[in-house]
Amino acid sequence: METRAWSPDKLLKVSGYYWRSFALHAAIKLGIFTIISSEELTCEDIAQSLGAKKRGVVMLLNALAAMDLLVKKGDCLRPSCNRTIRQENNREVRPY
């Protein structure tokens, strides 16, 4: 069995995959893509729709924008493309 050389850069990259998947999972669970699928909304609007504090929602939305899942202009967000991820009947996630 071959031994791999793990550099700090590689380890950091691997841990980043966890946080990206965590952010995506949280966004789907909260229904963020469903909330913003039809229109451009502000962070405040999204936080109100979720019944959550704006600070935490902004951090999650910034992470999703950094992953190119959302486009952020100022305080407004929209899906990054015409095909968005929506939650259907709280059971499944489908690309549209």
C-alpha atoms as a PDB file:
ATOM      1  CA  MET A   1       0.000   0.000   0.000  1.00  0.00           C
ATOM      2  CA  GLU A   2       1.328   3.391  -1.009  1.00  0.00           C
ATOM      3  CA  THR A   3       1.708   6.094   1.639  1.00  0.00           C
ATOM      4  CA  ARG A   4       0.449   9.569   0.758  1.00  0.00           C
ATOM      5  CA  ALA A   5       2.200  12.716   1.744  1.00  0.00           C
ATOM      6  CA  TRP A   6      -0.321  14.986   3.429  1.00  0.00           C
ATOM      7  CA  SER A   7       0.584  18.634   3.334  1.00  0.00           C
ATOM      8  CA  PRO A   8      -1.189  21.325   5.355  1.00  0.00           C
ATOM      9  CA  ASP A   9      -2.637  22.592   2.073  1.00  0.00           C
ATOM     10  CA  LYS A  10      -4.176  19.202   1.239  1.00  0.00           C
ATOM     11  CA  LEU A  11      -5.600  18.801   4.743  1.00  0.00           C
ATOM     12  CA  LEU A  12      -7.143  22.263   4.632  1.00  0.00           C
ATOM     13  CA  LYS A  13      -8.671  21.504   1.242  1.00  0.00           C
ATOM     14  CA  VAL A  14     -10.232  18.274   2.531  1.00  0.00           C
ATOM     15  CA  SER A  15     -11.691  20.032   5.577  1.00  0.00           C
ATOM     16  CA  GLY A  16     -13.122  22.675   3.231  1.00  0.00           C
ATOM     17  CA  TYR A  17     -15.164  20.001   1.463  1.00  0.00           C
ATOM     18  CA  TYR A  18     -16.892  19.236   4.768  1.00  0.00           C
ATOM     19  CA  TRP A  19     -17.856  22.861   5.340  1.00  0.00           C
ATOM     20  CA  ARG A  20     -19.123  23.274   1.776  1.00  0.00           C
ATOM     21  CA  SER A  21     -21.341  20.220   2.060  1.00  0.00           C
ATOM     22  CA  PHE A  22     -22.484  21.385   5.496  1.00  0.00           C
ATOM     23  CA  ALA A  23     -23.507  24.797   4.096  1.00  0.00           C
ATOM     24  CA  LEU A  24     -25.328  23.198   1.166  1.00  0.00           C
ATOM     25  CA  HIS A  25     -27.135  20.764   3.465  1.00  0.00           C
ATOM     26  CA  ALA A  26     -28.193  23.596   5.801  1.00  0.00           C
ATOM     27  CA  ALA A  27     -29.465  25.678   2.864  1.00  0.00           C
ATOM     28  CA  ILE A  28     -31.539  22.785   1.548  1.00  0.00           C
ATOM     29  CA  LYS A  29     -32.874  21.881   4.991  1.00  0.00           C
ATOM     30  CA  LEU A  30     -33.907  25.510   5.591  1.00  0.00           C
ATOM     31  CA  GLY A  31     -35.446  25.814   2.130  1.00  0.00           C
ATOM     32  CA  ILE A  32     -33.315  28.779   1.093  1.00  0.00           C
ATOM     33  CA  PHE A  33     -33.280  27.805  -2.585  1.00  0.00           C
ATOM     34  CA  THR A  34     -37.054  27.475  -2.548  1.00  0.00           C
ATOM     35  CA  ILE A  35     -37.433  30.901  -0.935  1.00  0.00           C
ATOM     36  CA  ILE A  36     -35.301  32.690  -3.525  1.00  0.00           C
ATOM     37  CA  SER A  37     -36.161  30.569  -6.564  1.00  0.00           C
ATOM     38  CA  SER A  38     -38.632  33.015  -8.042  1.00  0.00           C
ATOM     39  CA  GLU A  39     -37.186  36.439  -7.293  1.00  0.00           C
ATOM     40  CA  GLU A  40     -34.208  38.438  -6.108  1.00  0.00           C
ATOM     41  CA  LEU A  41     -34.425  38.985  -2.348  1.00  0.00           C
ATOM     42  CA  THR A  42     -32.435  40.805   0.294  1.00  0.00           C
ATOM     43  CA  CYS A  43     -30.741  39.026   3.172  1.00  0.00           C
ATOM     44  CA  GLU A  44     -33.296  40.650   5.474  1.00  0.00           C
ATOM     45  CA  ASP A  45     -36.190  39.240   3.414  1.00  0.00           C
ATOM     46  CA  ILE A  46     -34.703  35.748   3.524  1.00  0.00           C
ATOM     47  CA  ALA A  47     -34.054  35.937   7.267  1.00  0.00           C
ATOM     48  CA  GLN A  48     -37.648  37.056   7.838  1.00  0.00           C
ATOM     49  CA  SER A  49     -38.987  34.213   5.693  1.00  0.00           C
ATOM     50  CA  LEU A  50     -36.974  31.761   7.773  1.00  0.00           C
ATOM     51  CA  GLY A  51     -37.854  33.392  11.095  1.00  0.00           C
ATOM     52  CA  ALA A  52     -34.134  33.565  11.826  1.00  0.00           C
ATOM     53  CA  LYS A  53     -31.646  36.197  12.901  1.00  0.00           C
ATOM     54  CA  LYS A  54     -30.123  38.102  10.006  1.00  0.00           C
ATOM     55  CA  ARG A  55     -26.500  37.668  11.134  1.00  0.00           C
ATOM     56  CA  GLY A  56     -26.498  33.865  10.841  1.00  0.00           C
ATOM     57  CA  VAL A  57     -28.468  33.901   7.604  1.00  0.00           C
ATOM     58  CA  VAL A  58     -26.020  36.389   6.053  1.00  0.00           C
ATOM     59  CA  MET A  59     -23.081  34.114   6.914  1.00  0.00           C
ATOM     60  CA  LEU A  60     -24.787  31.132   5.285  1.00  0.00           C
ATOM     61  CA  LEU A  61     -25.792  33.157   2.210  1.00  0.00           C
ATOM     62  CA  ASN A  62     -22.227  34.462   1.844  1.00  0.00           C
ATOM     63  CA  ALA A  63     -20.927  30.882   1.934  1.00  0.00           C
ATOM     64  CA  LEU A  64     -23.420  29.842  -0.755  1.00  0.00           C
ATOM     65  CA  ALA A  65     -22.416  32.840  -2.888  1.00  0.00           C
ATOM     66  CA  ALA A  66     -18.734  31.927  -2.458  1.00  0.00           C
ATOM     67  CA  MET A  67     -19.604  28.450  -3.756  1.00  0.00           C
ATOM     68  CA  ASP A  68     -21.285  30.089  -6.796  1.00  0.00           C
ATOM     69  CA  LEU A  69     -24.705  28.703  -5.834  1.00  0.00           C
ATOM     70  CA  LEU A  70     -26.067  32.235  -5.383  1.00  0.00           C
ATOM     71  CA  VAL A  71     -25.231  35.571  -6.975  1.00  0.00           C
ATOM     72  CA  LYS A  72     -24.952  38.435  -4.528  1.00  0.00           C
ATOM     73  CA  LYS A  73     -25.154  42.091  -5.538  1.00  0.00           C
ATOM     74  CA  GLY A  74     -25.041  44.356  -2.540  1.00  0.00           C
ATOM     75  CA  ASP A  75     -27.569  42.922  -0.095  1.00  0.00           C
ATOM     76  CA  CYS A  76     -29.642  41.172  -2.795  1.00  0.00           C
ATOM     77  CA  LEU A  77     -29.344  37.528  -3.815  1.00  0.00           C
ATOM     78  CA  ARG A  78     -30.601  35.430  -6.672  1.00  0.00           C
ATOM     79  CA  PRO A  79     -29.878  31.905  -7.909  1.00  0.00           C
ATOM     80  CA  SER A  80     -26.667  31.595  -9.914  1.00  0.00           C
ATOM     81  CA  CYS A  81     -28.489  30.203 -12.938  1.00  0.00           C
ATOM     82  CA  ASN A  82     -31.983  29.530 -14.235  1.00  0.00           C
ATOM     83  CA  ARG A  83     -31.846  26.029 -12.804  1.00  0.00           C
ATOM     84  CA  THR A  84     -32.211  26.276  -9.054  1.00  0.00           C
ATOM     85  CA  ILE A  85     -32.442  23.737  -6.281  1.00  0.00           C
ATOM     86  CA  ARG A  86     -35.918  23.625  -4.788  1.00  0.00           C
ATOM     87  CA  GLN A  87     -37.337  21.603  -1.997  1.00  0.00           C
ATOM     88  CA  GLU A  88     -40.466  19.685  -2.991  1.00  0.00           C
ATOM     89  CA  ASN A  89     -42.878  18.541  -0.266  1.00  0.00           C
ATOM     90  CA  ASN A  90     -40.050  18.646   2.306  1.00  0.00           C
ATOM     91  CA  ARG A  91     -38.906  15.271   1.007  1.00  0.00           C
ATOM     92  CA  GLU A  92     -36.741  15.577  -2.028  1.00  0.00           C
ATOM     93  CA  VAL A  93     -34.522  18.066  -3.759  1.00  0.00           C
ATOM     94  CA  ARG A  94     -34.732  18.430  -7.519  1.00  0.00           C
ATOM     95  CA  PRO A  95     -32.802  20.615  -9.935  1.00  0.00           C
ATOM     96  CA  TYR A  96     -35.062  22.786 -12.090  1.00  0.00           C
END
